[in-house]
Every structure is written in structure tokens, then in C-alpha cells.
Amino acid sequence: MTGGSSSVKVGAKVAFTVTLTNTGKTDCTWDFAKLPVGVTVTSGSDRIWSSDDCAAWKPRGKTTVRAGKSYPYKVTWPGQRSTENSCKASTEELGAGYYVATAEIKGGAAKKFVMQLHQ
């Protein structure tokens, strides 16, 4: 997972690129319903935002990833807190500090991206 910048203004949107790589020797079809990939933003133990909170924030359907190739897709964190099972972000302003975005395949690998929010 990669992000646009490791230093971001409080409240700014942050786009992440999550890349699925097929290291096998044959093409594979990735079904996002069976193997969902989610991105969660935390600050310490505080869960701030998750793409799991809204189906529209996650990739859907299926994609074929050719052998030895990658499939990148973008996830955008609106720079705000989310609420479980709601596609609306909170209007609460987050504080300056360090935040960690974690992309994770259900039951599998995880990658982290650390960023600092500043005023």
C-alpha cells in the first residue's frame, strides 16, 4: 500500500493505492466478495475510519490478475472519522498527530502506511 504523502493537513483527503500482486505462474480471478480487502485508519488504539463501514468505499466484483502482474486500486480516506455501517463521515475534527492506515486481506496479509496530520 502506498499513500500520497506522509505529511497531511488535518481534514484533508488521503488517497491510498492498494496493490494485489499475483506471484503465481497462472492467472487468477480475485473475487472481492469472497476475499475482501479493507483499509483501516487508526491513531494508537483508536479506530478512526474503515472502508469496511461502507460498501461504496471498497472494490466490488471480480478481477483477473495475470500471472506475475499486479492489480492496483485506489481507496480514499476523507480525512474524517467513520461510523460502522454508515457511509457518512463524522464532522468531528481530528487532532494533529500520527495515524496509521492498514490494508488487509480478510484473514491474510496486511500492509501499513504511517502518516502525520498537521494543522
Protein backbone atom coordinates (compact mmCIF):
# COMPACT_ATOMS: atom_id res chain seq x y z
CA MET A 1 0.00 0.00 0.00
CA THR A 2 1.22 3.47 -0.81
CA GLY A 3 -0.16 6.87 0.09
CA GLY A 4 0.13 10.29 -1.44
CA SER A 5 2.21 11.84 1.34
CA SER A 6 3.38 11.01 4.83
CA SER A 7 2.54 14.56 6.00
CA VAL A 8 -1.07 15.68 5.54
CA LYS A 9 -3.14 18.65 6.73
CA VAL A 10 -5.85 17.77 9.28
CA GLY A 11 -9.13 17.14 7.45
CA ALA A 12 -7.54 16.60 4.02
CA LYS A 13 -8.48 13.61 1.89
CA VAL A 14 -5.78 10.97 1.50
CA ALA A 15 -5.73 8.55 -1.46
CA PHE A 16 -4.04 5.19 -0.99
CA THR A 17 -3.14 2.73 -3.71
CA VAL A 18 -3.62 -0.87 -2.66
CA THR A 19 -1.88 -3.32 -4.98
CA LEU A 20 -2.73 -7.01 -5.28
CA THR A 21 0.14 -8.95 -6.87
CA ASN A 22 -0.18 -12.41 -8.39
CA THR A 23 3.14 -14.11 -7.69
CA GLY A 24 1.88 -17.40 -9.15
CA LYS A 25 2.50 -18.92 -12.56
CA THR A 26 -1.12 -18.86 -13.69
CA ASP A 27 -3.73 -16.12 -13.95
CA CYS A 28 -6.15 -15.86 -11.04
CA THR A 29 -9.55 -14.30 -10.57
CA TRP A 30 -9.92 -12.22 -7.43
CA ASP A 31 -13.45 -12.16 -6.04
CA PHE A 32 -13.76 -9.21 -3.64
CA ALA A 33 -16.91 -10.73 -2.09
CA LYS A 34 -15.02 -13.88 -1.04
CA LEU A 35 -11.65 -12.24 -0.26
CA PRO A 36 -12.40 -8.65 0.70
CA VAL A 37 -9.61 -6.14 1.10
CA GLY A 38 -10.15 -3.37 3.63
CA VAL A 39 -8.29 -0.24 4.68
CA THR A 40 -8.50 0.96 8.29
CA VAL A 41 -7.04 4.18 9.71
CA THR A 42 -6.09 4.22 13.39
CA SER A 43 -4.41 6.52 15.86
CA GLY A 44 -2.93 4.40 18.63
CA SER A 45 -5.75 2.03 19.65
CA ASP A 46 -8.44 4.44 18.37
CA ARG A 47 -10.15 3.20 15.19
CA ILE A 48 -10.71 6.33 13.12
CA TRP A 49 -12.03 5.16 9.74
CA SER A 50 -12.54 1.92 7.81
CA SER A 51 -13.53 1.11 4.25
CA ASP A 52 -15.50 -1.75 5.85
CA ASP A 53 -18.01 0.81 7.16
CA CYS A 54 -19.45 1.49 3.69
CA ALA A 55 -19.66 -0.89 0.72
CA ALA A 56 -19.19 2.06 -1.68
CA TRP A 57 -15.69 2.62 -0.24
CA LYS A 58 -14.47 -0.86 -1.21
CA PRO A 59 -13.74 -2.60 -4.50
CA ARG A 60 -16.53 -4.91 -5.67
CA GLY A 61 -16.92 -7.67 -8.17
CA LYS A 62 -14.14 -9.77 -9.65
CA THR A 63 -10.93 -9.01 -11.46
CA THR A 64 -8.44 -11.23 -13.24
CA VAL A 65 -4.82 -10.72 -12.22
CA ARG A 66 -2.40 -12.14 -14.76
CA ALA A 67 0.50 -14.32 -13.57
CA GLY A 68 3.35 -12.13 -12.33
CA LYS A 69 1.25 -8.96 -12.66
CA SER A 70 -0.44 -6.59 -10.23
CA TYR A 71 -3.87 -5.03 -9.85
CA PRO A 72 -3.81 -1.59 -8.19
CA TYR A 73 -6.90 0.20 -6.92
CA LYS A 74 -7.41 3.42 -5.00
CA VAL A 75 -9.08 3.91 -1.63
CA THR A 76 -9.69 7.46 -0.43
CA TRP A 77 -9.88 8.31 3.26
CA PRO A 78 -11.91 11.53 3.58
CA GLY A 79 -9.76 12.70 6.49
CA GLN A 80 -12.61 12.18 8.94
CA ARG A 81 -13.89 9.56 11.35
CA SER A 82 -16.38 6.98 10.06
CA THR A 83 -19.19 5.13 11.77
CA GLU A 84 -19.80 1.41 11.42
CA ASN A 85 -22.45 0.55 8.79
CA SER A 86 -22.74 4.18 7.67
CA CYS A 87 -21.49 5.85 4.51
CA LYS A 88 -21.36 9.23 6.26
CA ALA A 89 -18.19 10.64 7.76
CA SER A 90 -18.26 12.43 11.10
CA THR A 91 -17.90 16.21 11.25
CA GLU A 92 -15.65 15.83 14.32
CA GLU A 93 -12.25 17.39 13.62
CA LEU A 94 -9.34 15.05 14.17
CA GLY A 95 -6.26 16.19 16.04
CA ALA A 96 -2.75 16.59 14.73
CA GLY A 97 -0.54 13.55 15.25
CA TYR A 98 0.42 10.22 13.77
CA TYR A 99 -2.10 7.96 12.04
CA VAL A 100 -1.62 4.50 10.54
CA ALA A 101 -3.51 3.19 7.51
CA THR A 102 -3.57 -0.60 7.30
CA ALA A 103 -4.66 -2.50 4.19
CA GLU A 104 -5.61 -6.08 4.99
CA ILE A 105 -6.91 -9.07 3.10
CA LYS A 106 -9.54 -10.86 5.18
CA GLY A 107 -7.65 -13.47 7.19
CA GLY A 108 -4.35 -12.73 5.45
CA ALA A 109 -1.59 -10.26 4.77
CA ALA A 110 -1.52 -6.66 5.99
CA LYS A 111 0.49 -3.60 4.90
CA LYS A 112 0.80 -0.35 6.84
CA PHE A 113 1.33 3.28 5.85
CA VAL A 114 2.22 5.83 8.55
CA MET A 115 1.29 9.49 8.11
CA GLN A 116 1.38 12.61 10.21
CA LEU A 117 -1.57 15.01 10.31
CA HIS A 118 -0.64 18.64 10.97
CA GLN A 119 -2.62 21.85 11.44
